[in-house]
C-alpha atoms as a PDB file:
ATOM      1  CA  MET A   1       0.000   0.000   0.000  1.00  0.00           C
ATOM      2  CA  LYS A   2       3.003   2.283   0.187  1.00  0.00           C
ATOM      3  CA  GLU A   3       2.713   3.032  -3.525  1.00  0.00           C
ATOM      4  CA  VAL A   4      -0.762   4.489  -2.926  1.00  0.00           C
ATOM      5  CA  ALA A   5      -0.475   7.763  -1.032  1.00  0.00           C
ATOM      6  CA  LEU A   6      -4.006   8.117   0.279  1.00  0.00           C
ATOM      7  CA  GLU A   7      -5.052   9.202   3.721  1.00  0.00           C
ATOM      8  CA  ASP A   8      -8.658  10.246   4.057  1.00  0.00           C
ATOM      9  CA  GLU A   9      -9.993  12.166   7.038  1.00  0.00           C
ATOM     10  CA  TYR A  10     -11.409  10.060   9.822  1.00  0.00           C
ATOM     11  CA  GLU A  11     -12.168  10.000  13.500  1.00  0.00           C
ATOM     12  CA  ILE A  12     -12.381   6.885  15.640  1.00  0.00           C
ATOM     13  CA  ILE A  13     -15.410   6.883  17.910  1.00  0.00           C
ATOM     14  CA  LYS A  14     -16.940   4.463  20.389  1.00  0.00           C
ATOM     15  CA  PRO A  15     -19.932   2.312  19.409  1.00  0.00           C
ATOM     16  CA  ASP A  16     -22.056   3.791  22.191  1.00  0.00           C
ATOM     17  CA  MET A  17     -21.841   7.351  20.844  1.00  0.00           C
ATOM     18  CA  PRO A  18     -25.376   8.728  20.374  1.00  0.00           C
ATOM     19  CA  VAL A  19     -26.355   9.269  16.730  1.00  0.00           C
ATOM     20  CA  PRO A  20     -27.057  13.012  17.290  1.00  0.00           C
ATOM     21  CA  ASN A  21     -23.464  13.430  18.534  1.00  0.00           C
ATOM     22  CA  ALA A  22     -22.168  11.719  15.393  1.00  0.00           C
ATOM     23  CA  ALA A  23     -24.380  14.009  13.307  1.00  0.00           C
ATOM     24  CA  GLY A  24     -22.734  16.926  15.086  1.00  0.00           C
ATOM     25  CA  LEU A  25     -19.296  15.695  14.004  1.00  0.00           C
ATOM     26  CA  PHE A  26     -20.529  15.622  10.412  1.00  0.00           C
ATOM     27  CA  ALA A  27     -21.887  19.162  10.819  1.00  0.00           C
ATOM     28  CA  GLU A  28     -18.334  20.255  11.676  1.00  0.00           C
ATOM     29  CA  ASN A  29     -16.775  18.286   8.794  1.00  0.00           C
ATOM     30  CA  PRO A  30     -19.118  16.581   6.314  1.00  0.00           C
ATOM     31  CA  HIS A  31     -16.214  14.851   4.517  1.00  0.00           C
ATOM     32  CA  ILE A  32     -14.984  12.906   7.524  1.00  0.00           C
ATOM     33  CA  ALA A  33     -15.457   9.173   8.022  1.00  0.00           C
ATOM     34  CA  LEU A  34     -16.376   7.964  11.472  1.00  0.00           C
ATOM     35  CA  LEU A  35     -14.722   4.661  12.246  1.00  0.00           C
ATOM     36  CA  ILE A  36     -16.352   2.743  15.047  1.00  0.00           C
ATOM     37  CA  GLY A  37     -13.732   1.135  17.238  1.00  0.00           C
ATOM     38  CA  HIS A  38     -14.169  -1.398  19.968  1.00  0.00           C
ATOM     39  CA  GLY A  39     -12.079  -2.416  22.954  1.00  0.00           C
ATOM     40  CA  SER A  40      -9.719  -4.714  21.067  1.00  0.00           C
ATOM     41  CA  GLY A  41      -8.391  -1.845  18.969  1.00  0.00           C
ATOM     42  CA  LYS A  42     -10.129  -3.169  15.862  1.00  0.00           C
ATOM     43  CA  ILE A  43     -12.545  -1.206  13.708  1.00  0.00           C
ATOM     44  CA  ALA A  44     -16.067  -2.644  13.923  1.00  0.00           C
ATOM     45  CA  GLY A  45     -17.709  -0.442  11.308  1.00  0.00           C
ATOM     46  CA  ALA A  46     -17.788   2.827   9.444  1.00  0.00           C
ATOM     47  CA  LEU A  47     -20.214   5.691   9.195  1.00  0.00           C
ATOM     48  CA  TYR A  48     -20.434   8.426   6.572  1.00  0.00           C
ATOM     49  CA  ILE A  49     -22.712  11.427   6.368  1.00  0.00           C
ATOM     50  CA  ASP A  50     -24.887   9.530   3.853  1.00  0.00           C
ATOM     51  CA  ASP A  51     -25.471   6.846   6.493  1.00  0.00           C
ATOM     52  CA  ILE A  52     -26.729   9.504   8.908  1.00  0.00           C
ATOM     53  CA  HIS A  53     -29.067  10.885   6.228  1.00  0.00           C
ATOM     54  CA  LYS A  54     -30.446   7.401   5.521  1.00  0.00           C
ATOM     55  CA  ALA A  55     -30.988   6.736   9.225  1.00  0.00           C
ATOM     56  CA  TYR A  56     -32.916   9.971   9.763  1.00  0.00           C
ATOM     57  CA  ALA A  57     -34.897   9.458   6.532  1.00  0.00           C
ATOM     58  CA  ASP A  58     -35.994   5.950   7.586  1.00  0.00           C
ATOM     59  CA  THR A  59     -39.749   6.084   8.178  1.00  0.00           C
ATOM     60  CA  THR A  60     -39.930   2.819  10.130  1.00  0.00           C
ATOM     61  CA  LYS A  61     -40.060   2.752  13.912  1.00  0.00           C
ATOM     62  CA  LYS A  62     -36.275   2.328  13.992  1.00  0.00           C
ATOM     63  CA  GLY A  63     -35.833   5.493  11.921  1.00  0.00           C
ATOM     64  CA  LYS A  64     -38.273   7.496  13.982  1.00  0.00           C
ATOM     65  CA  ASN A  65     -36.230   6.698  17.106  1.00  0.00           C
ATOM     66  CA  VAL A  66     -32.796   7.200  15.558  1.00  0.00           C
ATOM     67  CA  HIS A  67     -32.185  10.219  17.788  1.00  0.00           C
ATOM     68  CA  LYS A  68     -32.253   7.783  20.734  1.00  0.00           C
ATOM     69  CA  SER A  69     -29.898   5.285  19.043  1.00  0.00           C
ATOM     70  CA  THR A  70     -26.149   4.806  19.123  1.00  0.00           C
ATOM     71  CA  VAL A  71     -23.868   4.616  16.116  1.00  0.00           C
ATOM     72  CA  LYS A  72     -23.534   0.874  16.636  1.00  0.00           C
ATOM     73  CA  GLY A  73     -27.131   0.550  15.453  1.00  0.00           C
ATOM     74  CA  ILE A  74     -26.613   2.370  12.163  1.00  0.00           C
ATOM     75  CA  MET A  75     -22.940   1.739  11.300  1.00  0.00           C
ATOM     76  CA  ASN A  76     -21.971  -0.387   8.331  1.00  0.00           C
ATOM     77  CA  PRO A  77     -19.856  -3.326   9.561  1.00  0.00           C
ATOM     78  CA  ASN A  78     -18.517  -4.117   6.072  1.00  0.00           C
ATOM     79  CA  VAL A  79     -14.938  -3.000   6.710  1.00  0.00           C
ATOM     80  CA  LEU A  80     -11.982  -4.497   4.879  1.00  0.00           C
ATOM     81  CA  ALA A  81      -8.904  -4.726   7.125  1.00  0.00           C
ATOM     82  CA  VAL A  82      -5.597  -5.125   5.299  1.00  0.00           C
ATOM     83  CA  SER A  83      -1.915  -4.846   6.074  1.00  0.00           C
ATOM     84  CA  GLN A  84      -0.308  -1.533   5.268  1.00  0.00           C
ATOM     85  CA  GLU A  85       2.184  -3.668   3.343  1.00  0.00           C
ATOM     86  CA  ALA A  86      -0.557  -5.211   1.169  1.00  0.00           C
ATOM     87  CA  ASP A  87      -0.052  -5.526  -2.562  1.00  0.00           C
ATOM     88  CA  VAL A  88      -2.191  -2.980  -4.427  1.00  0.00           C
ATOM     89  CA  ALA A  89      -3.320  -5.491  -7.053  1.00  0.00           C
ATOM     90  CA  GLU A  90      -4.500  -7.902  -4.347  1.00  0.00           C
ATOM     91  CA  LEU A  91      -6.290  -5.085  -2.528  1.00  0.00           C
ATOM     92  CA  MET A  92      -8.022  -4.067  -5.754  1.00  0.00           C
ATOM     93  CA  ALA A  93      -9.273  -7.645  -6.148  1.00  0.00           C
ATOM     94  CA  GLN A  94     -10.502  -7.729  -2.533  1.00  0.00           C
ATOM     95  CA  VAL A  95     -12.296  -4.399  -2.917  1.00  0.00           C
ATOM     96  CA  LYS A  96     -13.986  -5.607  -6.093  1.00  0.00           C
ATOM     97  CA  LEU A  97     -15.042  -8.880  -4.430  1.00  0.00           C
ATOM     98  CA  HIS A  98     -16.148  -7.623  -1.000  1.00  0.00           C
ATOM     99  CA  LYS A  99     -17.311  -4.085  -1.867  1.00  0.00           C
ATOM    100  CA  PRO A 100     -16.329  -2.727   1.567  1.00  0.00           C
ATOM    101  CA  HIS A 101     -17.793   0.384   3.128  1.00  0.00           C
ATOM    102  CA  ALA A 102     -14.300   1.315   4.335  1.00  0.00           C
ATOM    103  CA  ILE A 103     -10.715   0.070   4.117  1.00  0.00           C
ATOM    104  CA  VAL A 104      -8.644   0.105   7.288  1.00  0.00           C
ATOM    105  CA  LEU A 105      -4.926  -0.522   7.397  1.00  0.00           C
ATOM    106  CA  HIS A 106      -3.009  -2.280  10.139  1.00  0.00           C
ATOM    107  CA  ASN A 107       0.684  -2.619  10.846  1.00  0.00           C
ATOM    108  CA  SER A 108       2.690  -5.821  11.281  1.00  0.00           C
ATOM    109  CA  GLN A 109       1.492  -6.077  14.915  1.00  0.00           C
ATOM    110  CA  GLY A 110      -2.140  -5.946  13.768  1.00  0.00           C
ATOM    111  CA  LYS A 111      -2.734  -2.468  15.192  1.00  0.00           C
ATOM    112  CA  PHE A 112      -4.736   0.163  13.333  1.00  0.00           C
ATOM    113  CA  SER A 113      -2.488   2.379  11.225  1.00  0.00           C
ATOM    114  CA  GLY A 114      -4.786   4.229   8.842  1.00  0.00           C
ATOM    115  CA  TYR A 115      -7.919   4.496   6.776  1.00  0.00           C
ATOM    116  CA  ILE A 116      -8.635   4.793   3.071  1.00  0.00           C
ATOM    117  CA  GLY A 117     -12.085   5.602   1.768  1.00  0.00           C
ATOM    118  CA  THR A 118     -13.217   3.122  -0.861  1.00  0.00           C
ATOM    119  CA  LYS A 119     -14.291   5.907  -3.206  1.00  0.00           C
ATOM    120  CA  ALA A 120     -10.884   7.609  -3.003  1.00  0.00           C
ATOM    121  CA  PHE A 121      -9.133   4.259  -3.441  1.00  0.00           C
ATOM    122  CA  LYS A 122     -11.133   3.434  -6.567  1.00  0.00           C
ATOM    123  CA  GLN A 123     -10.457   6.896  -8.004  1.00  0.00           C
ATOM    124  CA  ALA A 124      -6.732   6.523  -7.327  1.00  0.00           C
ATOM    125  CA  MET A 125      -6.676   3.104  -8.979  1.00  0.00           C
ATOM    126  CA  ALA A 126      -8.526   4.429 -12.030  1.00  0.00           C
ATOM    127  CA  SER A 127      -5.857   7.103 -12.487  1.00  0.00           C
ATOM    128  CA  MET A 128      -2.915   4.670 -12.264  1.00  0.00           C
END
């Protein structure tokens, strides 16, 4: 992954953060990705401003009570975790196969080391 110089904006938050608080973070920076971490240091899911819009637009009972929910209830758990040393061609194949909501990088010890938005990654690959 070193040959791809991408580093999108993100913030790691806890799964019990109330949805209105997450919406407030998007109000400050609508281009940020919220990565939902859990105790093990792994990323459990991702949340983008579009996910917040969908949650508030949901007309079911769940949507009507979204202001009482936590991000764990609306996050997308489809996160692809790869080594920061991963081969770009292999990552491209994994992205195409799994269609992740977010790509998170980890170092050789398995600890979080960065985030790449799937949209930015696909755009970068298209320009190579």
